[in-house]
Structures are given as C-alpha cells and as structure tokens.
Amino acid sequence: MPGVVEPDRIQSRSFEIIAELLRGFNQSAPEWPIVRRVVHATGDPAIAGLLRIHPMAVQAGLAALRGGRPIIADVRMVEAGIDRGLAATMGCELLCAVDEPSAMETARKLHVTRSAAALIQLSARIPGAIVAIGNAPTALFALLEMLEAGSGAPALVVGVPVGFVGAAEAKAELMRWGRRGPPYICVEGSRGGSSIAAAVVNALLHMACDGVRTRLKEGGE
C-alpha cells in the first residue's frame, strides 16, 4: 500500500519529521525527548508551544525512576498507556486505584470525584513518586490540597488534565505551586489528556532505561 512504512521505521521516521517541524526548538535540551514524544502522541506540533516544563522536572523524574519510585496514574487510560516493560525494568510499580470499590465509597463520603478519591487513598504512596494526571482536574486539585495540608510531595507531577471545566485552573495552580512545591510538566490551557500524560512518563522511562543500558555497556567493556 502506498505510504506504508516498515513497522520498525514508523516511529523513527515520525521522530525525524517532528525534528524537521520543530527546527526552532533546542533539540539538545534535556526536555526535547518529552516534547518530541508528546508531539508524536498527539500528531500536533503546536502542542509543543503549550508545554510547560519546570527547570528541575527532567532531573527529578529521572531520579525517581532510577530510584524505583512508584508511578501513580489518575485513571486507567493513563496507566494503560505507560510502558509496563520499561517501568518493570526500573523497578517502578504502576498504581491506579480509581476502580477500587473503596475509592467509590470515599468519593461518596467526601463528595468528590472518584479520581480525586483514588488519589487521596494513595496519599501514603505519593511522597517521592511520579504522579501522572491526564484526565481529572479534580484529582490535580486534590493533590494540591494534600500538599497544602502538609502531605509529602511527589518527586514530579505530570499535570495534564483535559477539559473546559477546571482543567486550565488546576494547571495554573500547579504552576504557581511549582515555585515552592514539586517540579511539574503540564500543558497550558484546556488541552491535555491521558495520551499526553502517558507520553511524558514514557519519555522519561526511555531516558532512564537508556542511561541504565549505557552504564551496563560501559561496565562490560
């Protein structure tokens, strides 16, 4: 069929096209693998201009992964999009409590969404973890409220909830918190989604695993 590329070339060719489209971006910057993978996940080069990446985000995310810290997702779609093989290589547990019956009960008791309740239930696992929120602004607000109350901070917040009700506000609050709280990666405005959250985490996982492979190769020489 015309235009079909061999499977092992599709991603690499996509990355080549993205590099051509984003020639103005500093492609040697630590953030480049994240930008490239988010653009690849969305098929939209314009999303690069909406990404907001805290100066310490990449360093903090890689340190958490190399330390085998948990990766906490707000919804199953984020969890499903994260590369389990790479997470297992780094010894990082994937967590998502949104479908647990106890989360539904907590949501009813606290009058919050199920995603927010699930994050509250996982509060003991949050310190030092990567928290990836791709769907529910209420989950991001719940996380910020926990931080305000003195809960331990995650190593990195991937805050990219999508929507027209609360999403932009939650992300703006996250960026304000970022000046005194955990590093963040977010998409400004109403855009976002589970595929972006997973893409960010996967970019970090690839970077972390590449570092492990490089050290093993150097150690074997």
N, C-alpha and C. Protein backbone atom coordinates (compact mmCIF):
# COMPACT_ATOMS: atom_id res chain seq x y z
N MET A 1 0.84 -1.19 0.00
CA MET A 1 0.00 0.00 0.00
C MET A 1 0.87 1.25 0.00
N PRO A 2 0.52 2.26 -0.80
CA PRO A 2 1.32 3.47 -0.85
C PRO A 2 1.39 4.14 0.52
N GLY A 3 2.57 4.61 0.85
CA GLY A 3 2.75 5.35 2.09
C GLY A 3 3.00 4.50 3.31
N VAL A 4 2.86 3.18 3.21
CA VAL A 4 3.09 2.32 4.35
C VAL A 4 4.59 2.14 4.56
N VAL A 5 5.02 2.26 5.80
CA VAL A 5 6.43 2.13 6.15
C VAL A 5 6.59 0.88 7.01
N GLU A 6 7.77 0.24 6.93
CA GLU A 6 8.02 -0.91 7.77
C GLU A 6 7.77 -0.56 9.23
N PRO A 7 7.17 -1.48 10.01
CA PRO A 7 6.80 -1.17 11.40
C PRO A 7 7.94 -0.59 12.23
N ASP A 8 9.15 -1.13 12.07
CA ASP A 8 10.25 -0.65 12.91
C ASP A 8 10.77 0.72 12.48
N ARG A 9 10.25 1.22 11.35
CA ARG A 9 10.67 2.54 10.88
C ARG A 9 9.63 3.62 11.14
N ILE A 10 8.43 3.23 11.52
CA ILE A 10 7.36 4.22 11.64
C ILE A 10 7.70 5.26 12.71
N GLN A 11 8.07 4.80 13.91
CA GLN A 11 8.35 5.76 14.98
C GLN A 11 9.58 6.59 14.67
N SER A 12 10.65 5.95 14.20
CA SER A 12 11.87 6.71 13.93
C SER A 12 11.64 7.74 12.83
N ARG A 13 10.86 7.37 11.81
CA ARG A 13 10.56 8.35 10.76
C ARG A 13 9.68 9.46 11.30
N SER A 14 8.73 9.11 12.18
CA SER A 14 7.90 10.14 12.80
C SER A 14 8.75 11.13 13.59
N PHE A 15 9.71 10.61 14.34
CA PHE A 15 10.59 11.48 15.11
C PHE A 15 11.43 12.38 14.19
N GLU A 16 11.83 11.86 13.04
CA GLU A 16 12.57 12.68 12.08
C GLU A 16 11.71 13.83 11.56
N ILE A 17 10.45 13.52 11.26
CA ILE A 17 9.53 14.55 10.78
C ILE A 17 9.30 15.60 11.85
N ILE A 18 9.12 15.15 13.11
CA ILE A 18 8.90 16.08 14.21
C ILE A 18 10.12 17.01 14.38
N ALA A 19 11.31 16.44 14.26
CA ALA A 19 12.52 17.27 14.37
C ALA A 19 12.56 18.32 13.27
N GLU A 20 12.11 17.96 12.07
CA GLU A 20 12.07 18.92 10.97
C GLU A 20 11.04 20.01 11.23
N LEU A 21 9.88 19.62 11.78
CA LEU A 21 8.81 20.59 12.04
C LEU A 21 9.15 21.53 13.18
N LEU A 22 9.98 21.06 14.12
CA LEU A 22 10.32 21.87 15.30
C LEU A 22 11.78 22.29 15.25
N ARG A 23 12.22 22.74 14.09
CA ARG A 23 13.63 23.13 13.94
C ARG A 23 14.00 24.27 14.88
N GLY A 24 13.02 25.11 15.26
CA GLY A 24 13.32 26.23 16.13
C GLY A 24 13.51 25.85 17.58
N PHE A 25 13.18 24.60 17.93
CA PHE A 25 13.31 24.14 19.32
C PHE A 25 14.74 23.66 19.56
N ASN A 26 15.24 23.89 20.75
CA ASN A 26 16.57 23.41 21.12
C ASN A 26 16.53 21.90 21.32
N GLN A 27 16.90 21.16 20.30
CA GLN A 27 16.76 19.72 20.33
C GLN A 27 17.85 19.01 21.12
N SER A 28 18.79 19.78 21.64
CA SER A 28 19.78 19.21 22.56
C SER A 28 19.39 19.43 24.02
N ALA A 29 18.26 20.11 24.23
CA ALA A 29 17.81 20.39 25.60
C ALA A 29 17.34 19.11 26.27
N PRO A 30 17.47 19.01 27.59
CA PRO A 30 17.01 17.80 28.30
C PRO A 30 15.52 17.52 28.08
N GLU A 31 14.74 18.58 27.80
CA GLU A 31 13.30 18.42 27.63
C GLU A 31 12.91 17.88 26.25
N TRP A 32 13.84 17.86 25.31
CA TRP A 32 13.49 17.51 23.94
C TRP A 32 12.82 16.14 23.81
N PRO A 33 13.32 15.07 24.44
CA PRO A 33 12.64 13.78 24.29
C PRO A 33 11.18 13.82 24.74
N ILE A 34 10.88 14.65 25.74
CA ILE A 34 9.50 14.78 26.21
C ILE A 34 8.65 15.51 25.17
N VAL A 35 9.17 16.62 24.70
CA VAL A 35 8.45 17.40 23.68
C VAL A 35 8.18 16.53 22.45
N ARG A 36 9.21 15.84 21.98
CA ARG A 36 9.09 15.01 20.78
C ARG A 36 8.03 13.92 20.96
N ARG A 37 8.03 13.26 22.10
CA ARG A 37 7.09 12.16 22.31
C ARG A 37 5.66 12.67 22.50
N VAL A 38 5.48 13.84 23.11
CA VAL A 38 4.14 14.41 23.25
C VAL A 38 3.60 14.82 21.88
N VAL A 39 4.42 15.42 21.06
CA VAL A 39 4.00 15.78 19.71
C VAL A 39 3.64 14.51 18.92
N HIS A 40 4.44 13.48 19.08
CA HIS A 40 4.17 12.20 18.41
C HIS A 40 2.84 11.61 18.87
N ALA A 41 2.54 11.70 20.18
CA ALA A 41 1.31 11.12 20.73
C ALA A 41 0.06 11.87 20.26
N THR A 42 0.20 13.17 20.03
CA THR A 42 -0.95 13.99 19.65
C THR A 42 -1.05 14.22 18.15
N GLY A 43 0.06 14.04 17.42
CA GLY A 43 0.08 14.36 16.00
C GLY A 43 -0.03 15.84 15.74
N ASP A 44 0.35 16.65 16.73
CA ASP A 44 0.14 18.10 16.64
C ASP A 44 1.38 18.86 17.10
N PRO A 45 2.19 19.40 16.18
CA PRO A 45 3.38 20.15 16.57
C PRO A 45 3.07 21.38 17.42
N ALA A 46 1.86 21.92 17.29
CA ALA A 46 1.51 23.13 18.05
C ALA A 46 1.48 22.88 19.55
N ILE A 47 1.31 21.62 19.96
CA ILE A 47 1.25 21.32 21.39
C ILE A 47 2.58 21.64 22.07
N ALA A 48 3.67 21.66 21.30
CA ALA A 48 4.99 21.97 21.88
C ALA A 48 5.02 23.36 22.49
N GLY A 49 4.27 24.28 21.89
CA GLY A 49 4.24 25.64 22.40
C GLY A 49 3.43 25.80 23.67
N LEU A 50 2.65 24.77 24.03
CA LEU A 50 1.83 24.84 25.24
C LEU A 50 2.43 24.05 26.40
N LEU A 51 3.48 23.28 26.12
CA LEU A 51 4.12 22.52 27.19
C LEU A 51 4.85 23.45 28.13
N ARG A 52 4.68 23.22 29.42
CA ARG A 52 5.38 23.98 30.44
C ARG A 52 6.14 22.98 31.31
N ILE A 53 7.46 23.08 31.30
CA ILE A 53 8.31 22.11 31.97
C ILE A 53 9.18 22.82 33.00
N HIS A 54 8.98 22.49 34.25
CA HIS A 54 9.75 23.07 35.35
C HIS A 54 11.24 22.78 35.12
N PRO A 55 12.13 23.73 35.46
CA PRO A 55 13.56 23.53 35.21
C PRO A 55 14.14 22.27 35.83
N MET A 56 13.54 21.79 36.92
CA MET A 56 14.06 20.60 37.59
C MET A 56 13.25 19.34 37.27
N ALA A 57 12.30 19.45 36.35
CA ALA A 57 11.37 18.34 36.11
C ALA A 57 12.07 17.09 35.58
N VAL A 58 12.90 17.24 34.57
CA VAL A 58 13.56 16.07 33.98
C VAL A 58 14.48 15.41 34.99
N GLN A 59 15.28 16.20 35.67
CA GLN A 59 16.19 15.67 36.67
C GLN A 59 15.44 14.94 37.77
N ALA A 60 14.35 15.55 38.26
CA ALA A 60 13.58 14.94 39.34
C ALA A 60 12.88 13.66 38.88
N GLY A 61 12.33 13.68 37.67
CA GLY A 61 11.66 12.49 37.16
C GLY A 61 12.61 11.33 36.95
N LEU A 62 13.78 11.60 36.40
CA LEU A 62 14.76 10.54 36.18
C LEU A 62 15.27 9.98 37.50
N ALA A 63 15.48 10.85 38.48
CA ALA A 63 15.95 10.38 39.79
C ALA A 63 14.91 9.47 40.43
N ALA A 64 13.63 9.82 40.29
CA ALA A 64 12.57 8.99 40.86
C ALA A 64 12.53 7.61 40.18
N LEU A 65 12.64 7.60 38.86
CA LEU A 65 12.60 6.33 38.13
C LEU A 65 13.82 5.48 38.46
N ARG A 66 14.97 6.10 38.52
CA ARG A 66 16.19 5.34 38.84
C ARG A 66 16.17 4.83 40.28
N GLY A 67 15.37 5.50 41.11
CA GLY A 67 15.22 5.04 42.49
C GLY A 67 14.09 4.04 42.67
N GLY A 68 13.45 3.64 41.57
CA GLY A 68 12.37 2.65 41.65
C GLY A 68 11.13 3.15 42.34
N ARG A 69 10.87 4.45 42.27
CA ARG A 69 9.70 5.01 42.94
C ARG A 69 8.42 4.69 42.16
N PRO A 70 7.27 4.67 42.83
CA PRO A 70 6.02 4.35 42.14
C PRO A 70 5.64 5.40 41.10
N ILE A 71 4.84 4.96 40.14
CA ILE A 71 4.21 5.86 39.17
C ILE A 71 2.71 5.76 39.41
N ILE A 72 2.10 6.87 39.79
CA ILE A 72 0.68 6.88 40.16
C ILE A 72 -0.12 7.59 39.07
N ALA A 73 -1.10 6.90 38.51
CA ALA A 73 -1.95 7.46 37.46
C ALA A 73 -3.33 7.79 38.02
N ASP A 74 -3.96 8.82 37.45
CA ASP A 74 -5.29 9.19 37.94
C ASP A 74 -6.38 8.29 37.37
N VAL A 75 -6.20 7.77 36.15
CA VAL A 75 -7.22 6.92 35.53
C VAL A 75 -6.55 5.75 34.82
N ARG A 76 -7.35 4.74 34.50
CA ARG A 76 -6.82 3.55 33.85
C ARG A 76 -6.23 3.82 32.48
N MET A 77 -6.76 4.80 31.77
CA MET A 77 -6.23 5.10 30.44
C MET A 77 -4.79 5.59 30.51
N VAL A 78 -4.46 6.35 31.53
CA VAL A 78 -3.07 6.77 31.72
C VAL A 78 -2.22 5.56 32.07
N GLU A 79 -2.69 4.78 33.01
CA GLU A 79 -1.95 3.58 33.42
C GLU A 79 -1.71 2.65 32.23
N ALA A 80 -2.75 2.45 31.40
CA ALA A 80 -2.64 1.54 30.26
C ALA A 80 -1.65 2.03 29.22
N GLY A 81 -1.49 3.35 29.12
CA GLY A 81 -0.59 3.91 28.12
C GLY A 81 0.87 3.92 28.52
N ILE A 82 1.16 3.67 29.78
CA ILE A 82 2.54 3.67 30.25
C ILE A 82 3.19 2.34 29.95
N ASP A 83 4.40 2.35 29.47
CA ASP A 83 5.12 1.14 29.08
C ASP A 83 5.47 0.32 30.33
N ARG A 84 4.74 -0.77 30.53
CA ARG A 84 4.94 -1.59 31.72
C ARG A 84 6.31 -2.27 31.73
N GLY A 85 6.78 -2.64 30.55
CA GLY A 85 8.09 -3.28 30.48
C GLY A 85 9.20 -2.37 30.95
N LEU A 86 9.16 -1.12 30.51
CA LEU A 86 10.18 -0.16 30.93
C LEU A 86 10.05 0.15 32.42
N ALA A 87 8.79 0.28 32.89
CA ALA A 87 8.58 0.53 34.32
C ALA A 87 9.14 -0.61 35.15
N ALA A 88 8.91 -1.84 34.69
CA ALA A 88 9.42 -3.01 35.42
C ALA A 88 10.94 -3.04 35.39
N THR A 89 11.53 -2.65 34.27
CA THR A 89 13.00 -2.59 34.18
C THR A 89 13.57 -1.67 35.24
N MET A 90 12.87 -0.57 35.51
CA MET A 90 13.35 0.39 36.50
C MET A 90 12.88 0.04 37.91
N GLY A 91 12.06 -1.02 38.05
CA GLY A 91 11.56 -1.41 39.36
C GLY A 91 10.49 -0.49 39.90
N CYS A 92 9.75 0.16 38.98
CA CYS A 92 8.72 1.12 39.38
C CYS A 92 7.33 0.50 39.30
N GLU A 93 6.62 0.51 40.40
CA GLU A 93 5.25 -0.02 40.45
C GLU A 93 4.29 0.98 39.84
N LEU A 94 3.34 0.49 39.02
CA LEU A 94 2.29 1.33 38.48
C LEU A 94 1.05 1.22 39.36
N LEU A 95 0.51 2.36 39.77
CA LEU A 95 -0.63 2.36 40.68
C LEU A 95 -1.77 3.20 40.12
N CYS A 96 -2.99 2.68 40.27
CA CYS A 96 -4.19 3.43 39.90
C CYS A 96 -5.36 2.81 40.65
N ALA A 97 -5.91 3.55 41.60
CA ALA A 97 -6.93 2.99 42.49
C ALA A 97 -8.34 3.39 42.11
N VAL A 98 -8.50 3.99 40.92
CA VAL A 98 -9.79 4.61 40.61
C VAL A 98 -10.94 3.61 40.54
N ASP A 99 -10.67 2.37 40.18
CA ASP A 99 -11.74 1.38 40.06
C ASP A 99 -11.97 0.57 41.33
N GLU A 100 -11.22 0.84 42.36
CA GLU A 100 -11.40 0.11 43.61
C GLU A 100 -12.73 0.50 44.27
N PRO A 101 -13.48 -0.48 44.80
CA PRO A 101 -14.74 -0.15 45.48
C PRO A 101 -14.56 0.86 46.59
N SER A 102 -13.43 0.80 47.27
CA SER A 102 -13.20 1.75 48.37
C SER A 102 -13.08 3.18 47.86
N ALA A 103 -12.58 3.35 46.63
CA ALA A 103 -12.48 4.69 46.05
C ALA A 103 -13.88 5.26 45.81
N MET A 104 -14.77 4.43 45.35
CA MET A 104 -16.14 4.88 45.12
C MET A 104 -16.81 5.28 46.43
N GLU A 105 -16.54 4.50 47.49
CA GLU A 105 -17.11 4.82 48.80
C GLU A 105 -16.53 6.12 49.34
N THR A 106 -15.22 6.30 49.19
CA THR A 106 -14.57 7.54 49.63
C THR A 106 -15.13 8.74 48.87
N ALA A 107 -15.37 8.56 47.58
CA ALA A 107 -15.92 9.65 46.77
C ALA A 107 -17.29 10.08 47.29
N ARG A 108 -18.10 9.09 47.65
CA ARG A 108 -19.44 9.42 48.18
C ARG A 108 -19.34 10.14 49.52
N LYS A 109 -18.44 9.65 50.38
CA LYS A 109 -18.32 10.25 51.71
C LYS A 109 -17.79 11.68 51.66
N LEU A 110 -16.81 11.92 50.78
CA LEU A 110 -16.16 13.23 50.73
C LEU A 110 -16.79 14.17 49.70
N HIS A 111 -17.76 13.64 48.94
CA HIS A 111 -18.41 14.43 47.89
C HIS A 111 -17.39 14.95 46.87
N VAL A 112 -16.52 14.03 46.44
CA VAL A 112 -15.53 14.36 45.41
C VAL A 112 -15.65 13.34 44.29
N THR A 113 -14.94 13.58 43.20
CA THR A 113 -14.96 12.61 42.11
C THR A 113 -14.19 11.36 42.50
N ARG A 114 -14.44 10.29 41.77
CA ARG A 114 -13.77 9.03 42.06
C ARG A 114 -12.26 9.15 41.84
N SER A 115 -11.84 9.92 40.83
CA SER A 115 -10.41 10.11 40.58
C SER A 115 -9.73 10.83 41.73
N ALA A 116 -10.41 11.85 42.26
CA ALA A 116 -9.86 12.56 43.41
C ALA A 116 -9.79 11.65 44.62
N ALA A 117 -10.84 10.86 44.83
CA ALA A 117 -10.87 9.94 45.97
C ALA A 117 -9.75 8.91 45.88
N ALA A 118 -9.51 8.41 44.67
CA ALA A 118 -8.46 7.41 44.47
C ALA A 118 -7.09 7.99 44.83
N LEU A 119 -6.86 9.23 44.43
CA LEU A 119 -5.57 9.86 44.74
C LEU A 119 -5.43 10.07 46.25
N ILE A 120 -6.51 10.45 46.88
CA ILE A 120 -6.49 10.62 48.34
C ILE A 120 -6.15 9.29 49.01
N GLN A 121 -6.73 8.19 48.50
CA GLN A 121 -6.46 6.88 49.09
C GLN A 121 -5.00 6.45 48.92
N LEU A 122 -4.36 6.94 47.88
CA LEU A 122 -2.97 6.59 47.61
C LEU A 122 -2.00 7.61 48.22
N SER A 123 -2.48 8.45 49.09
CA SER A 123 -1.66 9.55 49.61
C SER A 123 -0.37 9.07 50.26
N ALA A 124 -0.41 7.90 50.88
CA ALA A 124 0.79 7.39 51.55
C ALA A 124 1.87 6.98 50.56
N ARG A 125 1.48 6.73 49.31
CA ARG A 125 2.45 6.32 48.29
C ARG A 125 2.97 7.49 47.48
N ILE A 126 2.40 8.67 47.66
CA ILE A 126 2.73 9.82 46.82
C ILE A 126 4.13 10.41 47.09
N PRO A 127 4.59 10.52 48.35
CA PRO A 127 5.90 11.14 48.57
C PRO A 127 7.01 10.46 47.76
N GLY A 128 7.70 11.23 46.94
CA GLY A 128 8.79 10.72 46.13
C GLY A 128 8.38 10.04 44.86
N ALA A 129 7.07 9.89 44.62
CA ALA A 129 6.58 9.20 43.42
C ALA A 129 6.43 10.17 42.25
N ILE A 130 6.15 9.60 41.08
CA ILE A 130 5.71 10.39 39.92
C ILE A 130 4.20 10.27 39.86
N VAL A 131 3.51 11.39 39.89
CA VAL A 131 2.05 11.40 39.80
C VAL A 131 1.67 11.92 38.42
N ALA A 132 0.96 11.10 37.65
CA ALA A 132 0.57 11.45 36.29
C ALA A 132 -0.94 11.60 36.20
N ILE A 133 -1.39 12.83 35.99
CA ILE A 133 -2.82 13.14 35.94
C ILE A 133 -3.14 13.61 34.53
N GLY A 134 -3.90 12.78 33.79
CA GLY A 134 -4.19 13.11 32.41
C GLY A 134 -5.65 13.33 32.11
N ASN A 135 -6.51 13.11 33.10
CA ASN A 135 -7.94 13.16 32.82
C ASN A 135 -8.71 14.10 33.73
N ALA A 136 -8.46 14.02 35.03
CA ALA A 136 -9.35 14.64 36.01
C ALA A 136 -8.74 15.87 36.68
N PRO A 137 -9.23 17.06 36.35
CA PRO A 137 -8.77 18.25 37.08
C PRO A 137 -9.00 18.12 38.59
N THR A 138 -10.07 17.43 38.97
CA THR A 138 -10.36 17.28 40.40
C THR A 138 -9.25 16.50 41.11
N ALA A 139 -8.62 15.56 40.41
CA ALA A 139 -7.52 14.82 41.01
C ALA A 139 -6.33 15.74 41.24
N LEU A 140 -6.08 16.63 40.30
CA LEU A 140 -4.97 17.57 40.47
C LEU A 140 -5.26 18.54 41.60
N PHE A 141 -6.50 19.03 41.68
CA PHE A 141 -6.87 19.90 42.81
C PHE A 141 -6.72 19.16 44.13
N ALA A 142 -7.12 17.88 44.16
CA ALA A 142 -6.99 17.09 45.39
C ALA A 142 -5.54 16.95 45.80
N LEU A 143 -4.66 16.72 44.83
CA LEU A 143 -3.23 16.62 45.13
C LEU A 143 -2.70 17.93 45.72
N LEU A 144 -3.08 19.04 45.12
CA LEU A 144 -2.61 20.34 45.61
C LEU A 144 -3.15 20.63 47.01
N GLU A 145 -4.38 20.21 47.28
CA GLU A 145 -4.95 20.38 48.62
C GLU A 145 -4.18 19.54 49.64
N MET A 146 -3.78 18.33 49.25
CA MET A 146 -2.99 17.50 50.15
C MET A 146 -1.64 18.14 50.45
N LEU A 147 -1.03 18.71 49.43
CA LEU A 147 0.25 19.39 49.64
C LEU A 147 0.07 20.60 50.57
N GLU A 148 -1.01 21.32 50.36
CA GLU A 148 -1.30 22.49 51.20
C GLU A 148 -1.48 22.07 52.66
N ALA A 149 -2.03 20.87 52.86
CA ALA A 149 -2.26 20.37 54.22
C ALA A 149 -1.00 19.76 54.84
N GLY A 150 0.08 19.72 54.08
CA GLY A 150 1.33 19.23 54.64
C GLY A 150 1.72 17.82 54.26
N SER A 151 1.01 17.21 53.30
CA SER A 151 1.37 15.87 52.87
C SER A 151 2.72 15.89 52.16
N GLY A 152 3.39 14.73 52.15
CA GLY A 152 4.67 14.62 51.47
C GLY A 152 4.51 14.83 49.98
N ALA A 153 5.48 15.49 49.39
CA ALA A 153 5.38 15.87 47.98
C ALA A 153 5.87 14.77 47.05
N PRO A 154 5.26 14.64 45.88
CA PRO A 154 5.80 13.73 44.87
C PRO A 154 7.10 14.28 44.31
N ALA A 155 7.86 13.41 43.66
CA ALA A 155 9.09 13.87 43.01
C ALA A 155 8.76 14.74 41.80
N LEU A 156 7.69 14.38 41.10
CA LEU A 156 7.30 15.08 39.87
C LEU A 156 5.80 14.94 39.68
N VAL A 157 5.17 16.01 39.22
CA VAL A 157 3.76 15.98 38.87
C VAL A 157 3.64 16.18 37.36
N VAL A 158 3.09 15.18 36.68
CA VAL A 158 2.73 15.33 35.27
C VAL A 158 1.26 15.71 35.27
N GLY A 159 1.00 17.00 35.18
CA GLY A 159 -0.36 17.51 35.35
C GLY A 159 -0.93 17.99 34.03
N VAL A 160 -1.60 17.09 33.32
CA VAL A 160 -2.15 17.45 32.01
C VAL A 160 -3.63 17.07 31.88
N PRO A 161 -4.47 17.36 32.91
CA PRO A 161 -5.89 17.06 32.76
C PRO A 161 -6.49 17.87 31.62
N VAL A 162 -7.49 17.30 30.99
CA VAL A 162 -8.10 17.91 29.80
C VAL A 162 -9.51 18.38 30.11
N GLY A 163 -9.95 19.41 29.43
CA GLY A 163 -11.34 19.81 29.58
C GLY A 163 -11.54 21.29 29.72
N PHE A 164 -12.81 21.68 29.77
CA PHE A 164 -13.17 23.09 29.83
C PHE A 164 -13.65 23.52 31.21
N VAL A 165 -13.76 22.56 32.13
CA VAL A 165 -14.21 22.89 33.49
C VAL A 165 -13.09 22.52 34.47
N GLY A 166 -12.35 23.50 34.89
CA GLY A 166 -11.35 23.30 35.93
C GLY A 166 -9.97 22.91 35.46
N ALA A 167 -9.82 22.45 34.22
CA ALA A 167 -8.51 21.94 33.79
C ALA A 167 -7.47 23.06 33.73
N ALA A 168 -7.78 24.15 33.05
CA ALA A 168 -6.83 25.26 32.95
C ALA A 168 -6.50 25.83 34.33
N GLU A 169 -7.54 25.93 35.18
CA GLU A 169 -7.34 26.50 36.51
C GLU A 169 -6.45 25.58 37.37
N ALA A 170 -6.68 24.28 37.29
CA ALA A 170 -5.87 23.34 38.08
C ALA A 170 -4.41 23.40 37.67
N LYS A 171 -4.17 23.47 36.36
CA LYS A 171 -2.79 23.52 35.88
C LYS A 171 -2.12 24.85 36.22
N ALA A 172 -2.87 25.93 36.16
CA ALA A 172 -2.31 27.22 36.56
C ALA A 172 -1.92 27.20 38.04
N GLU A 173 -2.75 26.58 38.86
CA GLU A 173 -2.44 26.46 40.29
C GLU A 173 -1.22 25.58 40.51
N LEU A 174 -1.09 24.51 39.73
CA LEU A 174 0.09 23.65 39.82
C LEU A 174 1.36 24.44 39.51
N MET A 175 1.31 25.27 38.48
CA MET A 175 2.49 26.06 38.12
C MET A 175 2.83 27.08 39.20
N ARG A 176 1.80 27.64 39.82
CA ARG A 176 2.06 28.56 40.94
C ARG A 176 2.70 27.81 42.11
N TRP A 177 2.19 26.59 42.36
CA TRP A 177 2.75 25.77 43.43
C TRP A 177 4.18 25.37 43.13
N GLY A 178 4.48 25.21 41.83
CA GLY A 178 5.80 24.74 41.43
C GLY A 178 6.94 25.63 41.87
N ARG A 179 6.65 26.86 42.19
CA ARG A 179 7.69 27.76 42.68
C ARG A 179 8.16 27.39 44.07
N ARG A 180 7.30 26.66 44.82
CA ARG A 180 7.67 26.26 46.18
C ARG A 180 7.37 24.80 46.44
N GLY A 181 6.88 24.11 45.43
CA GLY A 181 6.50 22.71 45.58
C GLY A 181 7.23 21.82 44.61
N PRO A 182 6.62 20.70 44.25
CA PRO A 182 7.30 19.72 43.39
C PRO A 182 7.43 20.22 41.96
N PRO A 183 8.46 19.78 41.24
CA PRO A 183 8.55 20.10 39.81
C PRO A 183 7.34 19.54 39.06
N TYR A 184 7.05 20.14 37.92
CA TYR A 184 5.87 19.76 37.15
C TYR A 184 6.17 19.75 35.65
N ILE A 185 5.33 19.02 34.94
CA ILE A 185 5.23 19.10 33.49
C ILE A 185 3.75 19.21 33.18
N CYS A 186 3.35 20.25 32.47
CA CYS A 186 1.93 20.40 32.19
C CYS A 186 1.73 21.03 30.81
N VAL A 187 0.49 21.05 30.39
CA VAL A 187 0.08 21.68 29.14
C VAL A 187 -0.85 22.82 29.50
N GLU A 188 -0.49 24.01 29.11
CA GLU A 188 -1.27 25.18 29.49
C GLU A 188 -2.64 25.17 28.81
N GLY A 189 -3.65 25.62 29.54
CA GLY A 189 -4.98 25.75 28.96
C GLY A 189 -5.82 24.50 29.10
N SER A 190 -6.82 24.36 28.22
CA SER A 190 -7.79 23.28 28.32
C SER A 190 -7.29 21.97 27.72
N ARG A 191 -6.23 22.03 26.94
CA ARG A 191 -5.76 20.82 26.26
C ARG A 191 -4.99 19.91 27.22
N GLY A 192 -4.95 18.64 26.90
CA GLY A 192 -4.27 17.66 27.73
C GLY A 192 -4.79 16.28 27.37
N GLY A 193 -4.81 15.37 28.34
CA GLY A 193 -5.37 14.06 28.09
C GLY A 193 -4.46 12.92 28.51
N SER A 194 -5.06 11.74 28.58
CA SER A 194 -4.35 10.56 29.05
C SER A 194 -3.17 10.20 28.16
N SER A 195 -3.31 10.37 26.83
CA SER A 195 -2.22 10.02 25.94
C SER A 195 -1.00 10.91 26.17
N ILE A 196 -1.24 12.17 26.52
CA ILE A 196 -0.12 13.08 26.79
C ILE A 196 0.56 12.70 28.10
N ALA A 197 -0.23 12.42 29.13
CA ALA A 197 0.35 12.02 30.42
C ALA A 197 1.21 10.78 30.25
N ALA A 198 0.69 9.79 29.53
CA ALA A 198 1.46 8.56 29.31
C ALA A 198 2.71 8.84 28.48
N ALA A 199 2.59 9.71 27.49
CA ALA A 199 3.74 10.03 26.63
C ALA A 199 4.87 10.67 27.43
N VAL A 200 4.52 11.55 28.35
CA VAL A 200 5.53 12.19 29.19
C VAL A 200 6.26 11.16 30.04
N VAL A 201 5.48 10.30 30.70
CA VAL A 201 6.09 9.27 31.55
C VAL A 201 6.94 8.32 30.71
N ASN A 202 6.46 7.94 29.54
CA ASN A 202 7.22 7.04 28.68
C ASN A 202 8.52 7.68 28.20
N ALA A 203 8.48 8.97 27.91
CA ALA A 203 9.71 9.66 27.51
C ALA A 203 10.74 9.57 28.62
N LEU A 204 10.31 9.82 29.85
CA LEU A 204 11.23 9.73 30.99
C LEU A 204 11.72 8.31 31.19
N LEU A 205 10.83 7.32 31.03
CA LEU A 205 11.23 5.92 31.17
C LEU A 205 12.28 5.53 30.13
N HIS A 206 12.09 5.96 28.89
CA HIS A 206 13.09 5.67 27.86
C HIS A 206 14.43 6.31 28.20
N MET A 207 14.39 7.54 28.68
CA MET A 207 15.63 8.23 29.05
C MET A 207 16.33 7.50 30.20
N ALA A 208 15.55 7.09 31.19
CA ALA A 208 16.12 6.38 32.34
C ALA A 208 16.70 5.03 31.93
N CYS A 209 15.96 4.30 31.10
CA CYS A 209 16.43 2.98 30.67
C CYS A 209 17.64 3.09 29.76
N ASP A 210 17.67 4.10 28.90
CA ASP A 210 18.85 4.31 28.05
C ASP A 210 20.09 4.56 28.91
N GLY A 211 19.91 5.30 30.00
CA GLY A 211 21.02 5.54 30.90
C GLY A 211 21.52 4.26 31.55
N VAL A 212 20.59 3.37 31.93
CA VAL A 212 20.97 2.08 32.51
C VAL A 212 21.72 1.24 31.49
N ARG A 213 21.22 1.20 30.26
CA ARG A 213 21.88 0.41 29.20
C ARG A 213 23.29 0.94 28.93
N THR A 214 23.44 2.25 28.93
CA THR A 214 24.75 2.84 28.67
C THR A 214 25.74 2.46 29.77
N ARG A 215 25.28 2.52 31.03
CA ARG A 215 26.18 2.16 32.14
C ARG A 215 26.56 0.68 32.09
N LEU A 216 25.59 -0.17 31.72
CA LEU A 216 25.89 -1.60 31.63
C LEU A 216 26.89 -1.88 30.50
N LYS A 217 26.70 -1.18 29.39
CA LYS A 217 27.62 -1.37 28.26
C LYS A 217 29.02 -0.91 28.62
N GLU A 218 29.10 0.24 29.26
CA GLU A 218 30.42 0.75 29.65
C GLU A 218 31.07 -0.16 30.67
N GLY A 219 30.26 -0.74 31.57
CA GLY A 219 30.80 -1.63 32.59
C GLY A 219 31.30 -2.94 31.99
N GLY A 220 30.76 -3.32 30.81
CA GLY A 220 31.16 -4.58 30.21
C GLY A 220 32.34 -4.46 29.28
N GLU A 221 32.75 -3.25 29.03
CA GLU A 221 33.87 -3.04 28.12
C GLU A 221 35.21 -3.09 28.85
